[in-house]
Amino acid sequence: MRPKKKLSILKRIKNSRFAVDLYYAFIDRAFRREHAAVVAGKLAHIGSGATLEAQRFLLRRNTHRLEKGLIMRPPKPVFALDYIGETVAAYERVATADACEAARVEEFAWFTSVLGRYFAVVGEAPQVAGFRDRFKRAGANPVAGEGRSVPYAASTRPDNAVAYGDFLRLCQRRRSVRWFQDRPVPRDLIDRAVDAARLAPSACNRQPFQFVVETRPAEAAKIGAIPMGTQGFSDNFPAIAVVVGDLSAYFDERDRHLIYIDGALAAMQFMLACETLGLSTCPINWPDIEDREKRMDAALGLRAHERPVMLIAIGYADPDGGVPFSGKRSVEHLRRYL
C-alpha cells in the first residue's frame, strides 16, 4: 500500500484504538515481529518450557526486590510474602549450575547473601519458615560474600576520583568515529569496556542484554552493513558489537521496552569506557525492518525472543578521518523545570 493511502487511513482511525488494532493486525504488519518476540519471551519465562536463563532473570529481579525491602525506612519485620516462594524456587533451580560455574560465582554469592540476610531479618516468622528450610537445603552459605553482596551504606561507596570537568572532556572527546585504522582490536580491551557497561542501571537489575562481538574485520564489516545508514564506511570496521535484548527476562508485555532502555544505558557506559581505553566507537541505529531483522538473525543466530537494540563499531580512530561536528541542543532547550 502506498504511503499516502496509509496516511489517509490512519487519519480516519486515529481516535479509535479498536480500529488501530485492526489496522496493524490486517493492513500494516509493522509490529508483527515485536509481537511474536514478546510472546516467545513470555513462554520462555513462565511457560512450561521456561529456561534456566529465565529463572536467572527472575532471581535477579526478586533478589533486587529483597534488597529494596531490606533498605526501607521504617523497616518492616516481615515482607516479600507474595514473592519469596518463587524466589527460593528459582534459587533451588540455579543453585547447582551457578555455584559451580566460575563466571557466575560472584552473582550467585549475591543471591545467597541477600537471601541469607532476608531470612535473618524476618527471623522466626512462621510465614517464611518453610522457605527458609528450602533455602538451607539448597546448600546455601549466607555468610559467603556478606561484606560485599548485601545492601550497604551510601557513605561506603568508592571515592569519586573524577571531577566534572574531566568527565565533561571525556564526553566531548567521545564522538561517533566512522574511519578506523587497519589495526586489530584486542579482546581484553573490549572485555574491560563490557566490565564497565555491566555496572549500568537496569530495571530490577534483570540485565536483559548481551554484547555480541565480532573482532574479525571482514565479518564485522558484513554485520555493520546490515542496518541502514552505514553505506560507504562499514567496510572499514575493525570490530563491531551488537547489543541484543532478551525478552525472556519478562513475564508481561508491560516491560517489553526495557530491553531498549537497559541496553542503551549499558551501551553508553561501554562507549565511554572504550574511549578511556584508547578505542573509538560509532553507535549505529537499528531499523525495525523485516528483511534486515532476518539477516541479523542469521548472522548472530538469534532466538525468537531476542531483538537487536543497536550496533557499535569499535576501533582505533584514523587520525586523518573526519568527525562530524554534530551540534547539540542547548541546556535551555533540553531542560524544563516544573
Protein backbone atom coordinates (compact mmCIF):
# COMPACT_ATOMS: atom_id res chain seq x y z
CA MET A 1 0.00 0.00 0.00
CA ARG A 2 1.27 3.45 -0.88
CA PRO A 3 2.34 5.77 1.97
CA LYS A 4 -0.34 8.37 1.10
CA LYS A 5 -3.05 5.71 1.28
CA LYS A 6 -1.76 4.51 4.67
CA LEU A 7 -1.67 8.09 5.95
CA SER A 8 -5.24 8.66 4.83
CA ILE A 9 -6.44 5.57 6.71
CA LEU A 10 -4.52 6.50 9.85
CA LYS A 11 -6.05 9.96 9.93
CA ARG A 12 -9.52 8.41 9.87
CA ILE A 13 -8.90 5.81 12.58
CA LYS A 14 -6.54 7.67 14.92
CA ASN A 15 -9.20 8.20 17.62
CA SER A 16 -10.30 4.56 17.77
CA ARG A 17 -7.95 2.13 19.49
CA PHE A 18 -10.00 -0.79 18.17
CA ALA A 19 -9.65 0.46 14.61
CA VAL A 20 -5.92 0.98 15.12
CA ASP A 21 -5.63 -2.59 16.40
CA LEU A 22 -7.40 -3.87 13.29
CA TYR A 23 -5.20 -1.75 11.05
CA TYR A 24 -1.99 -3.21 12.45
CA ALA A 25 -3.45 -6.71 12.52
CA PHE A 26 -4.61 -6.83 8.90
CA ILE A 27 -3.21 -3.90 6.89
CA ASP A 28 0.20 -2.97 8.25
CA ARG A 29 2.27 -5.76 9.87
CA ALA A 30 4.99 -3.41 11.14
CA PHE A 31 4.72 -4.71 14.73
CA ARG A 32 4.37 -8.40 13.89
CA ARG A 33 7.95 -9.32 14.80
CA GLU A 34 7.80 -7.44 18.10
CA HIS A 35 4.53 -9.17 19.00
CA ALA A 36 5.99 -12.58 18.17
CA ALA A 37 9.17 -11.86 20.14
CA VAL A 38 7.20 -10.75 23.20
CA VAL A 39 5.12 -13.95 23.09
CA ALA A 40 8.23 -16.08 22.69
CA GLY A 41 9.84 -14.27 25.60
CA LYS A 42 6.83 -14.81 27.87
CA LEU A 43 6.73 -18.51 27.07
CA ALA A 44 10.46 -18.83 27.75
CA HIS A 45 9.98 -17.03 31.06
CA ILE A 46 6.82 -18.51 32.53
CA GLY A 47 5.66 -21.26 30.17
CA SER A 48 6.12 -25.00 30.55
CA GLY A 49 9.39 -24.62 28.67
CA ALA A 50 10.79 -21.90 30.95
CA THR A 51 14.56 -21.83 30.54
CA LEU A 52 17.25 -21.83 33.18
CA GLU A 53 18.30 -18.38 31.98
CA ALA A 54 14.73 -17.16 32.52
CA GLN A 55 14.98 -18.38 36.11
CA ARG A 56 18.15 -16.33 36.49
CA PHE A 57 16.31 -13.25 35.22
CA LEU A 58 13.56 -13.88 37.77
CA LEU A 59 16.10 -14.45 40.53
CA ARG A 60 17.96 -11.24 39.69
CA ARG A 61 14.72 -9.29 39.78
CA ASN A 62 13.47 -10.77 43.04
CA THR A 63 16.85 -10.57 44.78
CA HIS A 64 16.88 -6.87 43.93
CA ARG A 65 13.32 -6.55 45.27
CA LEU A 66 14.51 -8.12 48.53
CA GLU A 67 17.37 -5.61 48.66
CA LYS A 68 14.92 -2.74 48.31
CA GLY A 69 12.85 -4.22 51.11
CA LEU A 70 15.92 -4.51 53.33
CA ILE A 71 16.72 -0.79 52.99
CA MET A 72 13.18 0.52 53.51
CA ARG A 73 12.51 3.19 56.14
CA PRO A 74 10.98 2.28 58.51
CA PRO A 75 11.93 -1.40 58.12
CA LYS A 76 9.16 -3.98 58.03
CA PRO A 77 9.54 -7.03 60.28
CA VAL A 78 8.19 -9.32 57.56
CA PHE A 79 7.92 -8.57 53.84
CA ALA A 80 8.09 -10.17 50.38
CA LEU A 81 5.48 -12.80 51.26
CA ASP A 82 4.00 -12.55 47.77
CA TYR A 83 7.23 -13.48 46.00
CA ILE A 84 9.62 -15.19 48.43
CA GLY A 85 8.29 -18.60 47.36
CA GLU A 86 9.10 -18.14 43.68
CA THR A 87 12.44 -16.60 44.64
CA VAL A 88 13.51 -19.65 46.64
CA ALA A 89 12.21 -21.96 43.89
CA ALA A 90 14.35 -20.13 41.31
CA TYR A 91 17.32 -20.25 43.69
CA GLU A 92 16.92 -24.01 44.03
CA ARG A 93 16.89 -24.42 40.27
CA VAL A 94 20.02 -22.38 39.56
CA ALA A 95 22.00 -23.33 42.68
CA THR A 96 23.69 -26.44 41.32
CA ALA A 97 24.54 -24.91 37.95
CA ASP A 98 25.62 -21.44 39.07
CA ALA A 99 27.58 -22.27 42.21
CA CYS A 100 29.95 -24.39 40.13
CA GLU A 101 30.38 -22.04 37.15
CA ALA A 102 33.28 -19.67 37.60
CA ALA A 103 31.70 -16.85 35.59
CA ARG A 104 28.60 -16.92 37.82
CA VAL A 105 30.18 -17.33 41.25
CA GLU A 106 30.04 -13.61 42.07
CA GLU A 107 26.40 -13.28 41.10
CA PHE A 108 25.46 -16.47 42.94
CA ALA A 109 27.19 -15.11 46.07
CA TRP A 110 24.89 -12.08 45.77
CA PHE A 111 21.78 -14.27 45.51
CA THR A 112 22.90 -16.26 48.53
CA SER A 113 23.94 -13.31 50.66
CA VAL A 114 20.77 -11.30 50.11
CA LEU A 115 18.50 -14.28 50.75
CA GLY A 116 20.54 -15.08 53.86
CA ARG A 117 20.19 -11.51 55.10
CA TYR A 118 16.46 -11.57 54.36
CA PHE A 119 15.85 -14.70 56.43
CA ALA A 120 17.98 -13.27 59.24
CA VAL A 121 15.90 -10.08 59.27
CA VAL A 122 12.48 -11.76 59.21
CA GLY A 123 13.67 -14.09 61.96
CA GLU A 124 11.38 -16.91 63.00
CA ALA A 125 8.31 -15.59 61.19
CA PRO A 126 6.14 -18.67 60.61
CA GLN A 127 5.05 -17.43 57.17
CA VAL A 128 8.54 -17.97 55.77
CA ALA A 129 9.75 -20.92 57.84
CA GLY A 130 9.26 -23.43 55.02
CA PHE A 131 11.07 -21.26 52.51
CA ARG A 132 13.98 -20.76 54.94
CA ASP A 133 14.33 -24.52 55.27
CA ARG A 134 14.33 -24.98 51.49
CA PHE A 135 16.96 -22.26 51.14
CA LYS A 136 19.22 -24.04 53.63
CA ARG A 137 18.68 -27.42 51.99
CA ALA A 138 19.82 -25.94 48.68
CA GLY A 139 23.30 -25.79 50.19
CA ALA A 140 23.21 -22.07 50.88
CA ASN A 141 26.06 -20.43 52.76
CA PRO A 142 24.66 -16.97 53.53
CA VAL A 143 27.97 -15.83 55.02
CA ALA A 144 29.70 -16.06 51.61
CA GLY A 145 30.09 -12.56 50.23
CA GLU A 146 28.29 -10.94 53.17
CA GLY A 147 30.63 -7.97 53.20
CA ARG A 148 30.18 -7.05 49.55
CA SER A 149 26.96 -8.62 48.30
CA VAL A 150 24.29 -7.12 50.55
CA PRO A 151 22.90 -3.56 50.84
CA TYR A 152 25.44 -1.12 52.27
CA ALA A 153 25.57 2.50 53.41
CA ALA A 154 25.90 5.13 50.69
CA SER A 155 28.91 6.56 52.52
CA THR A 156 30.91 3.37 51.87
CA ARG A 157 30.82 3.63 48.09
CA PRO A 158 34.18 4.04 46.31
CA ASP A 159 35.56 7.57 46.33
CA ASN A 160 34.77 9.70 43.28
CA ALA A 161 38.13 10.50 41.69
CA VAL A 162 36.64 12.04 38.52
CA ALA A 163 35.96 15.77 38.55
CA TYR A 164 33.07 17.13 36.49
CA GLY A 165 35.47 18.91 34.16
CA ASP A 166 37.31 15.67 33.43
CA PHE A 167 34.07 13.84 32.79
CA LEU A 168 32.81 16.60 30.52
CA ARG A 169 36.02 16.40 28.49
CA LEU A 170 35.53 12.64 28.15
CA CYS A 171 32.02 13.26 26.83
CA GLN A 172 33.34 15.91 24.45
CA ARG A 173 36.01 13.53 23.20
CA ARG A 174 33.59 10.69 22.67
CA ARG A 175 32.28 11.27 19.20
CA SER A 176 30.94 8.92 16.54
CA VAL A 177 34.06 7.90 14.63
CA ARG A 178 33.49 6.31 11.23
CA TRP A 179 37.05 5.92 9.94
CA PHE A 180 39.38 3.50 11.66
CA GLN A 181 42.96 2.32 11.40
CA ASP A 182 43.64 -1.10 9.92
CA ARG A 183 44.57 -2.41 13.35
CA PRO A 184 43.19 -5.33 15.39
CA VAL A 185 41.05 -4.54 18.41
CA PRO A 186 42.26 -6.53 21.45
CA ARG A 187 39.51 -8.61 23.02
CA ASP A 188 40.78 -7.87 26.52
CA LEU A 189 40.05 -4.16 25.96
CA ILE A 190 36.52 -4.99 24.81
CA ASP A 191 36.05 -7.15 27.90
CA ARG A 192 37.19 -4.28 30.11
CA ALA A 193 34.65 -1.99 28.46
CA VAL A 194 31.92 -4.60 28.97
CA ASP A 195 33.02 -4.84 32.61
CA ALA A 196 32.19 -1.14 32.96
CA ALA A 197 28.97 -1.49 30.96
CA ARG A 198 27.61 -4.22 33.23
CA LEU A 199 27.52 -1.70 36.10
CA ALA A 200 24.91 0.41 34.29
CA PRO A 201 21.49 0.66 35.97
CA SER A 202 18.94 -1.92 34.88
CA ALA A 203 15.24 -2.15 35.76
CA CYS A 204 15.01 -4.52 38.75
CA ASN A 205 18.60 -5.48 37.88
CA ARG A 206 17.48 -8.01 35.28
CA GLN A 207 20.27 -7.03 32.84
CA PRO A 208 18.28 -8.28 29.80
CA PHE A 209 21.00 -7.73 27.22
CA GLN A 210 24.21 -9.14 25.84
CA PHE A 211 27.08 -7.69 23.80
CA VAL A 212 27.58 -9.95 20.78
CA VAL A 213 31.03 -9.04 19.47
CA GLU A 214 32.80 -9.72 16.17
CA THR A 215 36.53 -8.87 16.04
CA ARG A 216 37.32 -10.25 12.58
CA PRO A 217 37.29 -7.17 10.32
CA ALA A 218 35.78 -8.91 7.28
CA GLU A 219 32.92 -10.34 9.34
CA ALA A 220 32.50 -7.12 11.32
CA ALA A 221 32.07 -5.25 8.05
CA LYS A 222 29.35 -7.67 6.92
CA ILE A 223 27.40 -7.23 10.15
CA GLY A 224 27.93 -3.48 10.08
CA ALA A 225 26.40 -3.33 6.60
CA ILE A 226 23.09 -4.89 7.69
CA PRO A 227 21.46 -1.81 9.27
CA MET A 228 20.69 1.29 7.25
CA GLY A 229 22.97 4.32 7.31
CA THR A 230 26.40 2.64 7.13
CA GLN A 231 26.85 2.53 3.38
CA GLY A 232 30.28 3.74 2.33
CA PHE A 233 32.13 3.27 5.60
CA SER A 234 31.07 -0.04 7.16
CA ASP A 235 33.75 -1.89 5.19
CA ASN A 236 36.46 -0.32 7.40
CA PHE A 237 35.03 -1.53 10.75
CA PRO A 238 37.76 -3.47 12.61
CA ALA A 239 35.24 -4.81 15.17
CA ILE A 240 31.58 -4.47 15.97
CA ALA A 241 29.31 -5.17 18.93
CA VAL A 242 25.59 -5.82 18.62
CA VAL A 243 23.62 -5.06 21.77
CA VAL A 244 20.97 -7.79 21.87
CA GLY A 245 17.93 -7.60 24.14
CA ASP A 246 16.40 -10.72 25.66
CA LEU A 247 12.62 -10.65 26.10
CA SER A 248 12.65 -13.89 28.09
CA ALA A 249 13.53 -11.64 31.05
CA TYR A 250 9.88 -10.62 31.38
CA PHE A 251 6.56 -12.18 32.28
CA ASP A 252 4.40 -9.35 30.99
CA GLU A 253 4.05 -7.20 27.88
CA ARG A 254 4.26 -4.05 30.00
CA ASP A 255 8.05 -4.47 30.23
CA ARG A 256 8.75 -5.10 26.54
CA HIS A 257 10.57 -1.78 26.05
CA LEU A 258 13.02 -2.32 28.90
CA ILE A 259 15.46 -4.20 26.68
CA TYR A 260 15.95 -0.96 24.74
CA ILE A 261 16.24 1.26 27.82
CA ASP A 262 18.60 -1.02 29.72
CA GLY A 263 20.58 -1.94 26.62
CA ALA A 264 21.09 1.73 25.74
CA LEU A 265 22.20 2.60 29.29
CA ALA A 266 24.82 -0.15 29.16
CA ALA A 267 25.87 0.84 25.63
CA MET A 268 26.65 4.40 26.69
CA GLN A 269 28.88 3.22 29.53
CA PHE A 270 30.54 0.80 27.11
CA MET A 271 31.35 3.59 24.66
CA LEU A 272 32.71 5.91 27.34
CA ALA A 273 34.83 3.06 28.71
CA CYS A 274 36.17 2.36 25.22
CA GLU A 275 37.26 5.99 24.96
CA THR A 276 39.30 5.71 28.17
CA LEU A 277 40.98 2.60 26.72
CA GLY A 278 42.10 4.37 23.54
CA LEU A 279 39.30 2.97 21.39
CA SER A 280 36.77 4.97 19.42
CA THR A 281 33.20 3.92 18.67
CA CYS A 282 30.25 4.68 16.44
CA PRO A 283 26.74 3.81 17.65
CA ILE A 284 24.51 2.60 14.82
CA ASN A 285 20.73 2.73 14.89
CA TRP A 286 18.81 -0.47 14.35
CA PRO A 287 15.81 -0.27 11.96
CA ASP A 288 12.80 -2.47 12.64
CA ILE A 289 12.60 -3.75 9.06
CA GLU A 290 11.78 -7.40 8.48
CA ASP A 291 14.36 -8.31 5.85
CA ARG A 292 17.14 -6.74 7.92
CA GLU A 293 15.87 -8.49 11.04
CA LYS A 294 16.14 -11.81 9.19
CA ARG A 295 19.68 -11.04 8.05
CA MET A 296 20.76 -10.14 11.59
CA ASP A 297 19.04 -13.24 12.99
CA ALA A 298 21.05 -15.36 10.57
CA ALA A 299 24.33 -13.54 11.24
CA LEU A 300 24.10 -13.81 15.04
CA GLY A 301 21.98 -16.93 15.47
CA LEU A 302 19.35 -15.06 17.47
CA ARG A 303 16.49 -16.83 19.20
CA ALA A 304 12.83 -15.88 18.72
CA HIS A 305 12.77 -13.77 21.90
CA GLU A 306 15.98 -11.84 21.16
CA ARG A 307 15.96 -8.44 19.43
CA PRO A 308 18.80 -6.22 18.21
CA VAL A 309 18.87 -2.95 20.14
CA MET A 310 21.76 -1.18 18.39
CA LEU A 311 25.22 -1.76 16.94
CA ILE A 312 28.52 -0.23 18.00
CA ALA A 313 31.51 -0.08 15.65
CA ILE A 314 34.81 -0.27 17.56
CA GLY A 315 38.39 0.52 16.59
CA TYR A 316 41.36 2.85 16.72
CA ALA A 317 40.43 6.14 15.11
CA ASP A 318 42.17 7.09 11.88
CA PRO A 319 43.82 10.40 12.90
CA ASP A 320 43.04 11.86 9.48
CA GLY A 321 39.44 10.68 9.40
CA GLY A 322 36.70 13.29 9.55
CA VAL A 323 34.34 13.51 12.52
CA PRO A 324 31.00 15.34 12.10
CA PHE A 325 30.63 18.34 14.42
CA SER A 326 27.08 17.27 15.32
CA GLY A 327 25.91 20.43 17.02
CA LYS A 328 23.88 19.74 20.14
CA ARG A 329 20.81 21.46 21.55
CA SER A 330 21.38 23.87 24.43
CA VAL A 331 20.75 23.12 28.09
CA GLU A 332 17.82 25.54 27.97
CA HIS A 333 16.16 23.58 25.18
CA LEU A 334 16.81 20.19 26.73
CA ARG A 335 15.77 21.03 30.27
CA ARG A 336 12.33 22.10 31.52
CA TYR A 337 11.81 22.72 35.21
CA LEU A 338 8.34 22.19 36.64
